[in-house]
Amino acid sequence: MRQDGFVSLWIGKASTQVELDAYIRLSFTDDGELRASQFMLDFALPRWDESCREAECYEKGTSNLREILSGFSYEDQIIPQFEKQIGPVLREVANAVVLLYNFKHQPKSATSSDGPISLKFIGVAEYHP
């Protein structure tokens, strides 16, 4: 759900940036109705502000949380929080990251997706612009 000052994080695997973008991208019908992305369906997500989304697919994967989140907005604030939540080392090598800013995800069902894009919901952190 939308909430200023929070960022929700998903980490996992994707083949390419194009596939990751297609998995996440919001689209609309000719009538202007939102067409749910597979990401929205997999994680029961409402619409978010696209200008508050960052996503990256790296060629080479890593299990280092700090390394995979390096370069994202507010990294100095969010990396320590996520390290406290899950530790500095991921359980698996990952190459894909999705961050939704001003969004506090509160999962009611699935915490991971399966298929060509495999993401796991990691958690929520606070940040101050």
N, C-alpha and C. Protein backbone atom coordinates (compact mmCIF):
# COMPACT_ATOMS: atom_id res chain seq x y z
N MET A 1 0.83 -1.17 0.00
CA MET A 1 0.00 0.00 0.00
C MET A 1 0.88 1.24 0.00
N ARG A 2 0.39 2.31 -0.56
CA ARG A 2 1.16 3.54 -0.63
C ARG A 2 1.34 4.13 0.76
N GLN A 3 2.59 4.45 1.08
CA GLN A 3 2.89 5.10 2.34
C GLN A 3 4.25 5.79 2.21
N ASP A 4 4.23 7.11 2.33
CA ASP A 4 5.46 7.89 2.21
C ASP A 4 6.51 7.44 3.21
N GLY A 5 7.77 7.47 2.75
CA GLY A 5 8.88 7.18 3.63
C GLY A 5 9.19 5.71 3.82
N PHE A 6 8.54 4.84 3.08
CA PHE A 6 8.82 3.41 3.16
C PHE A 6 9.20 2.88 1.78
N VAL A 7 10.05 1.87 1.76
CA VAL A 7 10.42 1.21 0.51
C VAL A 7 10.29 -0.29 0.71
N SER A 8 9.69 -0.95 -0.28
CA SER A 8 9.52 -2.41 -0.26
C SER A 8 10.52 -3.02 -1.24
N LEU A 9 11.11 -4.14 -0.86
CA LEU A 9 12.19 -4.75 -1.62
C LEU A 9 11.88 -6.20 -2.01
N TRP A 10 12.15 -6.51 -3.29
CA TRP A 10 12.11 -7.87 -3.82
C TRP A 10 13.46 -8.15 -4.45
N ILE A 11 13.97 -9.35 -4.24
CA ILE A 11 15.25 -9.77 -4.82
C ILE A 11 15.06 -11.17 -5.40
N GLY A 12 15.73 -11.44 -6.52
CA GLY A 12 15.65 -12.77 -7.11
C GLY A 12 16.44 -12.89 -8.39
N LYS A 13 15.83 -13.57 -9.36
CA LYS A 13 16.52 -13.86 -10.62
C LYS A 13 15.65 -13.49 -11.81
N ALA A 14 16.30 -12.98 -12.84
CA ALA A 14 15.65 -12.67 -14.11
C ALA A 14 16.66 -12.90 -15.22
N SER A 15 16.18 -13.28 -16.39
CA SER A 15 17.07 -13.54 -17.51
C SER A 15 17.65 -12.25 -18.09
N THR A 16 16.78 -11.24 -18.25
CA THR A 16 17.21 -9.98 -18.86
C THR A 16 16.47 -8.81 -18.24
N GLN A 17 16.99 -7.62 -18.44
CA GLN A 17 16.31 -6.41 -17.98
C GLN A 17 14.98 -6.24 -18.69
N VAL A 18 14.93 -6.57 -19.97
CA VAL A 18 13.70 -6.45 -20.75
C VAL A 18 12.60 -7.33 -20.15
N GLU A 19 12.94 -8.57 -19.80
CA GLU A 19 11.95 -9.48 -19.21
C GLU A 19 11.51 -8.99 -17.83
N LEU A 20 12.45 -8.47 -17.04
CA LEU A 20 12.10 -7.95 -15.72
C LEU A 20 11.15 -6.76 -15.86
N ASP A 21 11.47 -5.84 -16.76
CA ASP A 21 10.60 -4.68 -16.98
C ASP A 21 9.21 -5.09 -17.44
N ALA A 22 9.13 -6.07 -18.33
CA ALA A 22 7.83 -6.54 -18.82
C ALA A 22 7.03 -7.19 -17.69
N TYR A 23 7.69 -7.89 -16.80
CA TYR A 23 7.05 -8.54 -15.66
C TYR A 23 6.44 -7.53 -14.70
N ILE A 24 7.10 -6.39 -14.54
CA ILE A 24 6.68 -5.37 -13.57
C ILE A 24 5.77 -4.31 -14.17
N ARG A 25 6.00 -3.94 -15.40
CA ARG A 25 5.40 -2.76 -16.03
C ARG A 25 3.88 -2.68 -15.89
N LEU A 26 3.44 -1.49 -15.49
CA LEU A 26 2.01 -1.19 -15.45
C LEU A 26 1.56 -0.88 -16.87
N SER A 27 0.40 -1.40 -17.28
CA SER A 27 -0.15 -1.09 -18.59
C SER A 27 -1.65 -0.86 -18.45
N PHE A 28 -2.22 -0.29 -19.50
CA PHE A 28 -3.62 0.11 -19.44
C PHE A 28 -4.35 -0.34 -20.71
N THR A 29 -5.65 -0.59 -20.56
CA THR A 29 -6.47 -0.93 -21.71
C THR A 29 -6.74 0.34 -22.50
N ASP A 30 -7.37 0.20 -23.66
CA ASP A 30 -7.73 1.36 -24.47
C ASP A 30 -8.69 2.29 -23.72
N ASP A 31 -9.44 1.73 -22.78
CA ASP A 31 -10.39 2.51 -21.98
C ASP A 31 -9.74 3.16 -20.76
N GLY A 32 -8.43 2.97 -20.59
CA GLY A 32 -7.72 3.57 -19.47
C GLY A 32 -7.75 2.77 -18.19
N GLU A 33 -8.24 1.54 -18.25
CA GLU A 33 -8.28 0.67 -17.07
C GLU A 33 -6.91 0.00 -16.89
N LEU A 34 -6.50 -0.10 -15.64
CA LEU A 34 -5.23 -0.74 -15.33
C LEU A 34 -5.28 -2.23 -15.67
N ARG A 35 -4.27 -2.69 -16.37
CA ARG A 35 -4.12 -4.12 -16.66
C ARG A 35 -3.02 -4.62 -15.73
N ALA A 36 -3.36 -5.50 -14.83
CA ALA A 36 -2.41 -5.97 -13.82
C ALA A 36 -1.21 -6.66 -14.46
N SER A 37 -0.03 -6.31 -13.99
CA SER A 37 1.19 -6.99 -14.43
C SER A 37 1.28 -8.32 -13.70
N GLN A 38 2.14 -9.20 -14.18
CA GLN A 38 2.33 -10.48 -13.50
C GLN A 38 2.89 -10.25 -12.10
N PHE A 39 3.72 -9.25 -11.94
CA PHE A 39 4.26 -8.88 -10.62
C PHE A 39 3.13 -8.53 -9.67
N MET A 40 2.17 -7.72 -10.13
CA MET A 40 1.02 -7.36 -9.31
C MET A 40 0.22 -8.60 -8.90
N LEU A 41 0.01 -9.49 -9.86
CA LEU A 41 -0.76 -10.70 -9.59
C LEU A 41 -0.03 -11.63 -8.63
N ASP A 42 1.27 -11.82 -8.85
CA ASP A 42 2.04 -12.74 -8.02
C ASP A 42 2.09 -12.31 -6.55
N PHE A 43 2.10 -11.00 -6.32
CA PHE A 43 2.27 -10.50 -4.96
C PHE A 43 1.04 -9.75 -4.43
N ALA A 44 -0.08 -9.86 -5.13
CA ALA A 44 -1.33 -9.20 -4.73
C ALA A 44 -1.10 -7.72 -4.42
N LEU A 45 -0.49 -7.04 -5.37
CA LEU A 45 -0.12 -5.64 -5.19
C LEU A 45 -1.15 -4.70 -5.81
N PRO A 46 -1.44 -3.59 -5.14
CA PRO A 46 -2.24 -2.54 -5.77
C PRO A 46 -1.33 -1.70 -6.68
N ARG A 47 -1.91 -0.77 -7.37
CA ARG A 47 -1.14 0.11 -8.25
C ARG A 47 -0.17 0.96 -7.42
N TRP A 48 1.01 1.24 -7.99
CA TRP A 48 2.00 2.09 -7.37
C TRP A 48 2.35 3.21 -8.34
N ASP A 49 3.08 4.18 -7.86
CA ASP A 49 3.54 5.29 -8.68
C ASP A 49 4.79 4.83 -9.42
N GLU A 50 4.72 4.75 -10.74
CA GLU A 50 5.85 4.27 -11.54
C GLU A 50 7.10 5.11 -11.36
N SER A 51 6.95 6.38 -11.01
CA SER A 51 8.12 7.23 -10.81
C SER A 51 8.83 6.89 -9.50
N CYS A 52 8.22 6.05 -8.68
CA CYS A 52 8.79 5.63 -7.40
C CYS A 52 9.26 4.17 -7.43
N ARG A 53 9.54 3.67 -8.63
CA ARG A 53 9.99 2.29 -8.79
C ARG A 53 11.40 2.27 -9.37
N GLU A 54 12.22 1.40 -8.83
CA GLU A 54 13.54 1.12 -9.41
C GLU A 54 13.66 -0.39 -9.54
N ALA A 55 14.21 -0.82 -10.66
CA ALA A 55 14.41 -2.26 -10.89
C ALA A 55 15.66 -2.45 -11.74
N GLU A 56 16.40 -3.48 -11.40
CA GLU A 56 17.64 -3.73 -12.12
C GLU A 56 17.87 -5.23 -12.24
N CYS A 57 18.34 -5.63 -13.42
CA CYS A 57 18.76 -7.01 -13.67
C CYS A 57 20.23 -6.96 -14.06
N TYR A 58 21.07 -7.58 -13.27
CA TYR A 58 22.51 -7.59 -13.51
C TYR A 58 22.90 -8.85 -14.30
N GLU A 59 23.93 -8.73 -15.11
CA GLU A 59 24.41 -9.90 -15.85
C GLU A 59 24.96 -10.95 -14.90
N LYS A 60 25.69 -10.49 -13.90
CA LYS A 60 26.31 -11.40 -12.94
C LYS A 60 25.57 -11.31 -11.61
N GLY A 61 25.26 -12.43 -11.03
CA GLY A 61 24.57 -12.47 -9.76
C GLY A 61 25.53 -12.37 -8.58
N THR A 62 24.96 -12.14 -7.40
CA THR A 62 25.73 -12.06 -6.17
C THR A 62 24.87 -12.51 -5.01
N SER A 63 25.51 -12.89 -3.94
CA SER A 63 24.78 -13.19 -2.71
C SER A 63 25.04 -12.12 -1.65
N ASN A 64 25.75 -11.07 -2.03
CA ASN A 64 26.08 -9.97 -1.13
C ASN A 64 24.99 -8.90 -1.21
N LEU A 65 24.24 -8.72 -0.13
CA LEU A 65 23.12 -7.78 -0.12
C LEU A 65 23.58 -6.36 -0.40
N ARG A 66 24.65 -5.93 0.22
CA ARG A 66 25.16 -4.57 0.03
C ARG A 66 25.53 -4.34 -1.45
N GLU A 67 26.15 -5.33 -2.06
CA GLU A 67 26.56 -5.22 -3.46
C GLU A 67 25.35 -5.10 -4.39
N ILE A 68 24.32 -5.91 -4.16
CA ILE A 68 23.18 -5.91 -5.06
C ILE A 68 22.33 -4.64 -4.91
N LEU A 69 22.38 -4.00 -3.73
CA LEU A 69 21.60 -2.78 -3.50
C LEU A 69 22.41 -1.50 -3.72
N SER A 70 23.68 -1.65 -4.00
CA SER A 70 24.54 -0.49 -4.23
C SER A 70 24.08 0.28 -5.47
N GLY A 71 23.98 1.59 -5.32
CA GLY A 71 23.60 2.44 -6.45
C GLY A 71 22.12 2.81 -6.48
N PHE A 72 21.32 2.18 -5.65
CA PHE A 72 19.90 2.52 -5.61
C PHE A 72 19.68 3.76 -4.73
N SER A 73 18.58 4.43 -4.94
CA SER A 73 18.24 5.61 -4.16
C SER A 73 18.20 5.28 -2.66
N TYR A 74 18.73 6.19 -1.87
CA TYR A 74 18.72 6.08 -0.41
C TYR A 74 19.44 4.84 0.11
N GLU A 75 20.41 4.35 -0.67
CA GLU A 75 21.13 3.14 -0.29
C GLU A 75 21.77 3.24 1.09
N ASP A 76 22.26 4.41 1.44
CA ASP A 76 22.91 4.57 2.74
C ASP A 76 21.93 4.40 3.90
N GLN A 77 20.65 4.62 3.65
CA GLN A 77 19.64 4.45 4.68
C GLN A 77 19.03 3.05 4.68
N ILE A 78 18.81 2.50 3.50
CA ILE A 78 18.06 1.24 3.43
C ILE A 78 18.91 -0.02 3.57
N ILE A 79 20.16 0.03 3.09
CA ILE A 79 21.00 -1.18 3.18
C ILE A 79 21.17 -1.64 4.62
N PRO A 80 21.53 -0.76 5.57
CA PRO A 80 21.68 -1.25 6.95
C PRO A 80 20.39 -1.85 7.52
N GLN A 81 19.24 -1.31 7.14
CA GLN A 81 17.98 -1.86 7.64
C GLN A 81 17.71 -3.25 7.10
N PHE A 82 17.96 -3.42 5.80
CA PHE A 82 17.74 -4.75 5.21
C PHE A 82 18.78 -5.75 5.72
N GLU A 83 20.00 -5.29 5.98
CA GLU A 83 21.01 -6.19 6.56
C GLU A 83 20.57 -6.66 7.96
N LYS A 84 19.93 -5.79 8.72
CA LYS A 84 19.42 -6.19 10.04
C LYS A 84 18.29 -7.21 9.90
N GLN A 85 17.48 -7.06 8.85
CA GLN A 85 16.34 -7.95 8.66
C GLN A 85 16.76 -9.34 8.20
N ILE A 86 17.68 -9.40 7.23
CA ILE A 86 18.00 -10.71 6.64
C ILE A 86 19.48 -11.08 6.71
N GLY A 87 20.33 -10.18 7.17
CA GLY A 87 21.76 -10.44 7.21
C GLY A 87 22.44 -9.91 5.96
N PRO A 88 23.76 -9.86 5.96
CA PRO A 88 24.50 -9.31 4.83
C PRO A 88 24.64 -10.24 3.62
N VAL A 89 24.31 -11.52 3.83
CA VAL A 89 24.47 -12.51 2.76
C VAL A 89 23.11 -13.13 2.43
N LEU A 90 22.77 -13.13 1.14
CA LEU A 90 21.53 -13.75 0.67
C LEU A 90 21.68 -15.26 0.70
N ARG A 91 20.58 -15.96 0.84
CA ARG A 91 20.63 -17.43 0.86
C ARG A 91 20.99 -18.01 -0.51
N GLU A 92 20.63 -17.26 -1.56
CA GLU A 92 20.92 -17.70 -2.92
C GLU A 92 21.53 -16.56 -3.72
N VAL A 93 22.23 -16.89 -4.76
CA VAL A 93 22.76 -15.86 -5.67
C VAL A 93 21.58 -15.23 -6.40
N ALA A 94 21.60 -13.92 -6.49
CA ALA A 94 20.52 -13.19 -7.15
C ALA A 94 21.09 -12.18 -8.13
N ASN A 95 20.29 -11.83 -9.14
CA ASN A 95 20.74 -10.82 -10.10
C ASN A 95 19.65 -9.79 -10.40
N ALA A 96 18.53 -9.85 -9.71
CA ALA A 96 17.42 -8.93 -9.98
C ALA A 96 16.93 -8.28 -8.68
N VAL A 97 16.62 -6.99 -8.78
CA VAL A 97 16.15 -6.22 -7.64
C VAL A 97 14.98 -5.35 -8.08
N VAL A 98 13.95 -5.28 -7.25
CA VAL A 98 12.83 -4.37 -7.46
C VAL A 98 12.60 -3.62 -6.15
N LEU A 99 12.56 -2.30 -6.25
CA LEU A 99 12.27 -1.45 -5.10
C LEU A 99 11.08 -0.57 -5.43
N LEU A 100 10.09 -0.55 -4.55
CA LEU A 100 8.95 0.35 -4.68
C LEU A 100 9.02 1.33 -3.52
N TYR A 101 9.29 2.59 -3.85
CA TYR A 101 9.40 3.64 -2.85
C TYR A 101 8.02 4.22 -2.56
N ASN A 102 7.85 4.75 -1.35
CA ASN A 102 6.56 5.25 -0.89
C ASN A 102 5.51 4.15 -0.97
N PHE A 103 5.95 2.95 -0.61
CA PHE A 103 5.11 1.76 -0.70
C PHE A 103 5.49 0.83 0.43
N LYS A 104 4.52 0.47 1.25
CA LYS A 104 4.74 -0.43 2.38
C LYS A 104 3.94 -1.71 2.14
N HIS A 105 4.61 -2.69 1.53
CA HIS A 105 3.95 -3.95 1.21
C HIS A 105 3.69 -4.74 2.48
N GLN A 106 2.48 -5.23 2.60
CA GLN A 106 2.09 -6.06 3.74
C GLN A 106 1.50 -7.34 3.16
N PRO A 107 2.35 -8.33 2.92
CA PRO A 107 1.89 -9.54 2.22
C PRO A 107 0.83 -10.30 2.98
N LYS A 108 -0.17 -10.72 2.21
CA LYS A 108 -1.23 -11.55 2.78
C LYS A 108 -1.14 -12.97 2.25
N SER A 109 -0.35 -13.13 1.18
CA SER A 109 -0.22 -14.46 0.60
C SER A 109 1.22 -14.69 0.16
N ALA A 110 1.41 -14.86 -1.12
CA ALA A 110 2.71 -15.26 -1.67
C ALA A 110 3.82 -14.28 -1.30
N THR A 111 4.96 -14.82 -0.94
CA THR A 111 6.13 -13.99 -0.71
C THR A 111 7.18 -14.21 -1.78
N SER A 112 6.88 -15.09 -2.74
CA SER A 112 7.81 -15.31 -3.84
C SER A 112 7.05 -15.68 -5.10
N SER A 113 7.70 -15.46 -6.23
CA SER A 113 7.12 -15.83 -7.52
C SER A 113 7.96 -16.95 -8.12
N ASP A 114 7.42 -17.60 -9.12
CA ASP A 114 8.12 -18.71 -9.74
C ASP A 114 7.93 -18.60 -11.25
N GLY A 115 8.92 -18.98 -12.00
CA GLY A 115 8.83 -18.90 -13.44
C GLY A 115 10.08 -18.25 -14.00
N PRO A 116 9.98 -17.65 -15.19
CA PRO A 116 11.16 -17.02 -15.79
C PRO A 116 11.70 -15.87 -14.93
N ILE A 117 10.81 -15.21 -14.20
CA ILE A 117 11.20 -14.19 -13.24
C ILE A 117 10.88 -14.77 -11.86
N SER A 118 11.89 -14.90 -11.04
CA SER A 118 11.71 -15.47 -9.71
C SER A 118 12.15 -14.44 -8.68
N LEU A 119 11.19 -13.86 -7.97
CA LEU A 119 11.49 -12.84 -6.97
C LEU A 119 10.96 -13.27 -5.61
N LYS A 120 11.61 -12.79 -4.57
CA LYS A 120 11.16 -13.04 -3.21
C LYS A 120 11.01 -11.68 -2.51
N PHE A 121 9.88 -11.51 -1.83
CA PHE A 121 9.69 -10.31 -1.04
C PHE A 121 10.62 -10.38 0.17
N ILE A 122 11.45 -9.35 0.32
CA ILE A 122 12.43 -9.32 1.40
C ILE A 122 11.92 -8.59 2.63
N GLY A 123 11.32 -7.44 2.41
CA GLY A 123 10.82 -6.67 3.54
C GLY A 123 10.65 -5.20 3.20
N VAL A 124 10.46 -4.41 4.25
CA VAL A 124 10.21 -2.99 4.13
C VAL A 124 11.21 -2.23 4.99
N ALA A 125 11.69 -1.10 4.48
CA ALA A 125 12.59 -0.23 5.24
C ALA A 125 12.06 1.19 5.17
N GLU A 126 12.49 2.01 6.11
CA GLU A 126 12.12 3.42 6.10
C GLU A 126 13.25 4.23 5.49
N TYR A 127 12.91 5.34 4.86
CA TYR A 127 13.92 6.26 4.36
C TYR A 127 13.38 7.67 4.50
N HIS A 128 14.31 8.62 4.53
CA HIS A 128 13.95 10.02 4.69
C HIS A 128 14.59 10.82 3.57
N PRO A 129 13.76 11.34 2.65
CA PRO A 129 14.30 12.13 1.53
C PRO A 129 15.00 13.40 1.99
